[in-house]
């Protein structure tokens, strides 16, 4: 039985991150993700004394969550436990087996322990993807994988159930960031350690004409009023719980004891009927 080839190359990913650390890591997206997770944890009526964090930037995430054990995002996680809380910190989008990592974290949780993961979603860098695809089609007559694929929220939410986590919830925010030019955006991606980690990527530098055409298309289609260019980053948050006997259970379909229309003090109409008809 043959195994599926890896989508991401862990050696390339490690090299990208090491380079980012040398040039001065651009950490603003990680800081935003950490801030949002911190706010959400404050709203949970539960004490989290034993915490584990999976991160490609462990030093950064360790500073954000006191007394947490922080481990790298290797395929086989160095979990021990048990833990009250597990955080997967903005690195599942480049994991070859994110479900496998979520399963490992679920197994390391105490019953009714919480897992929250944040990862980039499919709306991330939509502008750059579109311009690169059009430019490469024009300049080279074809496409090569230059930006890693990222999942849509409706698909990413299903990872929690497949990992065996209970009460799954998925939501997102889209951050709009402006840059002086597409080149400045690409420099920032390099400083984030988020340039192309695909195993099937082209092993040559981007041709100058391709870069120039990408910049032309980007400036034309996605310029802000001040002349800067827009870039989107979607953060998808996935929350689930280790199964426990004392957790709330969803009601069986059709078991409701009251009508929603009564609660909303409105009139229920048959499907397809328009108001006033």
Protein backbone atom coordinates (compact mmCIF):
# COMPACT_ATOMS: atom_id res chain seq x y z
CA UNK A 1 0.00 0.00 0.00
CA UNK A 2 1.54 3.30 -1.07
CA UNK A 3 1.29 6.37 1.14
CA UNK A 4 0.19 9.76 -0.09
CA UNK A 5 3.08 12.11 -0.88
CA UNK A 6 3.46 14.91 1.65
CA UNK A 7 1.92 18.22 0.59
CA UNK A 8 4.36 20.29 2.66
CA UNK A 9 8.11 19.82 2.99
CA UNK A 10 9.05 20.05 6.70
CA UNK A 11 12.68 20.86 5.86
CA UNK A 12 11.67 23.81 3.68
CA UNK A 13 9.23 24.96 6.36
CA UNK A 14 11.96 24.85 9.01
CA UNK A 15 14.34 26.75 6.73
CA UNK A 16 11.72 29.47 6.13
CA UNK A 17 11.14 29.87 9.86
CA UNK A 18 14.85 29.98 10.66
CA UNK A 19 15.36 32.70 8.06
CA UNK A 20 12.46 34.68 9.54
CA UNK A 21 14.05 34.47 12.98
CA UNK A 22 17.35 35.78 11.60
CA UNK A 23 15.87 38.79 9.79
CA UNK A 24 13.48 39.77 12.60
CA UNK A 25 10.24 37.85 12.84
CA UNK A 26 7.07 39.68 11.71
CA UNK A 27 4.82 38.59 14.54
CA UNK A 28 1.73 40.81 14.29
CA UNK A 29 -0.62 38.05 13.10
CA UNK A 30 0.53 35.72 15.85
CA UNK A 31 0.05 38.48 18.42
CA UNK A 32 -3.48 39.13 17.12
CA UNK A 33 -4.32 35.43 17.28
CA UNK A 34 -2.91 35.16 20.81
CA UNK A 35 -4.90 38.20 21.94
CA UNK A 36 -8.17 36.80 20.58
CA UNK A 37 -7.57 33.40 22.17
CA UNK A 38 -6.74 35.08 25.48
CA UNK A 39 -10.00 37.05 25.40
CA UNK A 40 -12.01 33.92 24.65
CA UNK A 41 -10.43 31.96 27.46
CA UNK A 42 -11.38 34.72 29.90
CA UNK A 43 -15.01 34.19 28.91
CA UNK A 44 -14.92 30.47 29.67
CA UNK A 45 -16.11 29.58 33.17
CA UNK A 46 -13.27 27.15 33.78
CA UNK A 47 -9.81 27.18 35.31
CA UNK A 48 -6.97 26.15 33.00
CA UNK A 49 -4.05 25.11 35.17
CA UNK A 50 -2.32 22.62 32.87
CA UNK A 51 -1.78 24.01 29.37
CA UNK A 52 0.02 22.85 26.26
CA UNK A 53 0.65 24.88 23.10
CA UNK A 54 1.74 23.63 19.69
CA UNK A 55 3.54 26.31 17.69
CA UNK A 56 6.03 26.83 14.91
CA UNK A 57 7.21 29.88 16.88
CA UNK A 58 7.39 28.40 20.40
CA UNK A 59 9.33 31.24 22.05
CA UNK A 60 6.73 33.80 20.96
CA UNK A 61 3.73 31.77 22.15
CA UNK A 62 5.43 30.91 25.43
CA UNK A 63 5.61 34.62 26.23
CA UNK A 64 1.89 35.00 25.58
CA UNK A 65 0.64 32.23 27.89
CA UNK A 66 2.27 31.94 31.28
CA UNK A 67 3.08 28.52 32.70
CA UNK A 68 2.15 26.75 29.48
CA UNK A 69 4.22 23.93 28.02
CA UNK A 70 5.06 24.87 24.41
CA UNK A 71 6.12 22.23 21.90
CA UNK A 72 7.02 22.39 18.18
CA UNK A 73 4.57 21.31 15.47
CA UNK A 74 6.28 18.07 14.50
CA UNK A 75 4.20 15.29 12.92
CA UNK A 76 4.40 13.31 16.18
CA UNK A 77 3.77 15.77 18.97
CA UNK A 78 5.71 15.57 22.21
CA UNK A 79 2.57 15.52 24.35
CA UNK A 80 2.58 14.28 27.92
CA UNK A 81 -0.30 15.54 29.99
CA UNK A 82 -2.99 15.35 30.90
CA UNK A 83 -3.97 18.97 30.26
CA UNK A 84 -6.97 21.20 30.84
CA UNK A 85 -6.23 23.24 27.72
CA UNK A 86 -4.51 22.63 24.39
CA UNK A 87 -3.81 25.43 21.91
CA UNK A 88 -2.69 24.85 18.33
CA UNK A 89 -1.06 28.15 17.48
CA UNK A 90 -1.26 29.29 13.86
CA UNK A 91 0.60 26.40 12.26
CA UNK A 92 -2.01 23.74 11.36
CA UNK A 93 -2.39 25.27 7.88
CA UNK A 94 1.07 23.91 6.97
CA UNK A 95 0.74 20.53 8.68
CA UNK A 96 0.60 17.44 6.49
CA UNK A 97 -1.82 15.79 8.93
CA UNK A 98 -3.70 18.41 10.98
CA UNK A 99 -6.35 15.86 12.00
CA UNK A 100 -3.62 13.62 13.36
CA UNK A 101 -2.24 16.49 15.43
CA UNK A 102 -5.71 17.32 16.76
CA UNK A 103 -6.21 13.65 17.69
CA UNK A 104 -2.92 13.67 19.60
CA UNK A 105 -3.98 16.79 21.51
CA UNK A 106 -7.41 15.31 22.28
CA UNK A 107 -5.74 12.24 23.76
CA UNK A 108 -3.54 14.48 25.92
CA UNK A 109 -6.55 16.34 27.36
CA UNK A 110 -8.38 15.55 30.57
CA UNK A 111 -12.08 14.73 30.13
CA UNK A 112 -13.88 17.98 29.31
CA UNK A 113 -10.55 19.62 28.51
CA UNK A 114 -10.64 22.34 25.86
CA UNK A 115 -8.77 22.55 22.56
CA UNK A 116 -8.63 25.74 20.53
CA UNK A 117 -6.79 25.96 17.23
CA UNK A 118 -6.15 28.99 15.06
CA UNK A 119 -5.01 28.67 11.47
CA UNK A 120 -5.05 30.62 8.23
CA UNK A 121 -8.19 30.12 6.14
CA UNK A 122 -8.97 30.20 2.44
CA UNK A 123 -9.50 33.97 2.24
CA UNK A 124 -5.84 34.51 3.15
CA UNK A 125 -3.86 36.23 0.37
CA UNK A 126 -6.70 35.93 -2.14
CA UNK A 127 -5.41 39.06 -3.89
CA UNK A 128 -1.87 37.72 -4.28
CA UNK A 129 -3.10 34.32 -5.46
CA UNK A 130 -5.27 35.87 -8.17
CA UNK A 131 -2.54 38.16 -9.46
CA UNK A 132 0.15 35.49 -9.42
CA UNK A 133 -2.10 33.06 -11.31
CA UNK A 134 -3.00 35.61 -13.98
CA UNK A 135 0.57 36.86 -14.34
CA UNK A 136 2.05 33.38 -14.63
CA UNK A 137 -0.59 32.35 -17.15
CA UNK A 138 0.30 35.38 -19.29
CA UNK A 139 4.08 35.22 -18.90
CA UNK A 140 4.72 31.47 -18.85
CA UNK A 141 1.54 29.98 -20.27
CA UNK A 142 0.82 27.87 -17.20
CA UNK A 143 0.71 27.75 -13.41
CA UNK A 144 3.02 26.43 -10.71
CA UNK A 145 2.29 26.10 -6.97
CA UNK A 146 3.62 29.34 -5.48
CA UNK A 147 1.15 29.94 -2.61
CA UNK A 148 0.09 27.12 -0.30
CA UNK A 149 -3.58 26.10 -0.43
CA UNK A 150 -5.67 26.85 2.66
CA UNK A 151 -8.99 25.34 3.67
CA UNK A 152 -12.40 26.97 3.77
CA UNK A 153 -14.02 27.43 7.17
CA UNK A 154 -16.86 25.00 6.38
CA UNK A 155 -14.28 22.28 5.72
CA UNK A 156 -11.93 23.19 8.57
CA UNK A 157 -14.76 23.00 11.09
CA UNK A 158 -15.23 19.34 10.18
CA UNK A 159 -11.68 18.53 11.32
CA UNK A 160 -12.77 18.76 14.96
CA UNK A 161 -15.44 16.09 14.63
CA UNK A 162 -13.12 13.84 12.67
CA UNK A 163 -10.57 14.19 15.49
CA UNK A 164 -13.20 13.05 17.99
CA UNK A 165 -13.70 16.37 19.76
CA UNK A 166 -17.10 17.24 21.17
CA UNK A 167 -19.16 20.44 20.87
CA UNK A 168 -17.18 21.72 17.85
CA UNK A 169 -17.37 25.39 16.90
CA UNK A 170 -15.66 27.15 13.97
CA UNK A 171 -15.56 30.90 13.34
CA UNK A 172 -13.30 33.38 11.62
CA UNK A 173 -12.12 36.94 11.29
CA UNK A 174 -10.59 38.54 8.20
CA UNK A 175 -7.84 41.09 8.75
CA UNK A 176 -7.23 43.65 6.01
CA UNK A 177 -3.64 44.86 5.93
CA UNK A 178 -2.13 47.46 3.58
CA UNK A 179 1.38 47.49 2.16
CA UNK A 180 3.40 49.96 0.14
CA UNK A 181 3.65 47.46 -2.72
CA UNK A 182 3.36 43.72 -3.48
CA UNK A 183 7.13 43.45 -2.94
CA UNK A 184 6.70 44.77 0.60
CA UNK A 185 3.96 42.19 1.18
CA UNK A 186 6.25 39.39 -0.03
CA UNK A 187 9.03 40.65 2.25
CA UNK A 188 6.65 40.54 5.19
CA UNK A 189 5.58 36.98 4.31
CA UNK A 190 9.27 36.06 4.30
CA UNK A 191 9.68 37.68 7.71
CA UNK A 192 6.68 35.68 8.97
CA UNK A 193 8.23 32.42 7.80
CA UNK A 194 5.13 31.94 5.65
CA UNK A 195 6.57 31.80 2.15
CA UNK A 196 5.91 28.71 0.07
CA UNK A 197 6.49 25.42 2.00
CA UNK A 198 4.99 23.17 -0.69
CA UNK A 199 6.94 20.04 -1.52
CA UNK A 200 6.00 20.40 -5.22
CA UNK A 201 7.10 24.00 -5.58
CA UNK A 202 9.34 25.25 -8.36
CA UNK A 203 12.98 25.19 -7.25
CA UNK A 204 13.94 28.29 -9.23
CA UNK A 205 13.62 31.99 -8.44
CA UNK A 206 10.58 33.84 -9.71
CA UNK A 207 11.42 35.34 -13.15
CA UNK A 208 11.73 39.12 -13.11
CA UNK A 209 9.02 39.57 -15.74
CA UNK A 210 6.61 37.45 -13.70
CA UNK A 211 7.24 39.55 -10.60
CA UNK A 212 6.79 42.78 -12.55
CA UNK A 213 3.52 41.62 -14.11
CA UNK A 214 2.23 40.47 -10.71
CA UNK A 215 2.93 43.91 -9.30
CA UNK A 216 1.17 45.60 -12.21
CA UNK A 217 -1.95 43.48 -11.81
CA UNK A 218 -1.98 43.85 -8.03
CA UNK A 219 -1.65 47.64 -8.13
CA UNK A 220 -4.42 47.87 -10.70
CA UNK A 221 -6.94 45.60 -8.96
CA UNK A 222 -6.28 45.92 -5.22
CA UNK A 223 -5.00 49.42 -4.52
CA UNK A 224 -6.29 51.38 -1.54
CA UNK A 225 -7.27 55.06 -1.95
CA UNK A 226 -3.87 56.16 -0.61
CA UNK A 227 -2.03 54.14 -3.25
CA UNK A 228 -1.05 51.27 -0.99
CA UNK A 229 -2.19 47.73 -1.78
CA UNK A 230 -4.61 45.58 0.24
CA UNK A 231 -3.87 42.09 1.54
CA UNK A 232 -6.31 39.79 3.36
CA UNK A 233 -5.48 37.36 6.17
CA UNK A 234 -8.24 35.07 7.41
CA UNK A 235 -7.84 33.60 10.90
CA UNK A 236 -10.05 30.55 11.48
CA UNK A 237 -10.64 29.52 15.10
CA UNK A 238 -11.64 25.93 15.87
CA UNK A 239 -12.84 25.05 19.37
CA UNK A 240 -13.71 21.63 20.72
CA UNK A 241 -13.73 19.63 23.94
CA UNK A 242 -12.46 16.24 24.99
CA UNK A 243 -15.54 14.05 25.45
CA UNK A 244 -16.91 13.78 28.97
CA UNK A 245 -20.03 12.21 30.49
CA UNK A 246 -21.07 15.50 32.13
CA UNK A 247 -21.06 17.55 28.91
CA UNK A 248 -24.18 18.97 27.34
CA UNK A 249 -25.51 16.81 24.53
CA UNK A 250 -27.31 18.10 21.42
CA UNK A 251 -31.04 17.41 21.36
CA UNK A 252 -32.47 14.87 18.95
CA UNK A 253 -34.01 16.43 15.81
CA UNK A 254 -37.72 17.01 16.37
CA UNK A 255 -37.51 16.88 20.17
CA UNK A 256 -38.10 20.61 20.76
CA UNK A 257 -40.92 21.40 23.18
CA UNK A 258 -41.61 24.94 21.87
CA UNK A 259 -41.93 26.56 18.46
CA UNK A 260 -39.26 29.06 17.39
CA UNK A 261 -41.96 31.24 15.81
CA UNK A 262 -43.65 31.56 19.23
CA UNK A 263 -40.39 32.54 20.92
CA UNK A 264 -39.78 35.21 18.27
CA UNK A 265 -43.44 36.33 18.39
CA UNK A 266 -43.80 36.01 14.65
CA UNK A 267 -45.98 34.07 12.23
CA UNK A 268 -44.64 30.87 10.69
CA UNK A 269 -45.21 30.56 6.93
CA UNK A 270 -44.84 27.55 4.67
CA UNK A 271 -41.56 27.34 2.76
CA UNK A 272 -41.60 29.54 -0.36
CA UNK A 273 -44.54 31.70 0.79
CA UNK A 274 -43.79 35.42 0.62
CA UNK A 275 -44.79 37.90 3.35
CA UNK A 276 -48.19 39.46 2.60
CA UNK A 277 -49.30 36.60 0.34
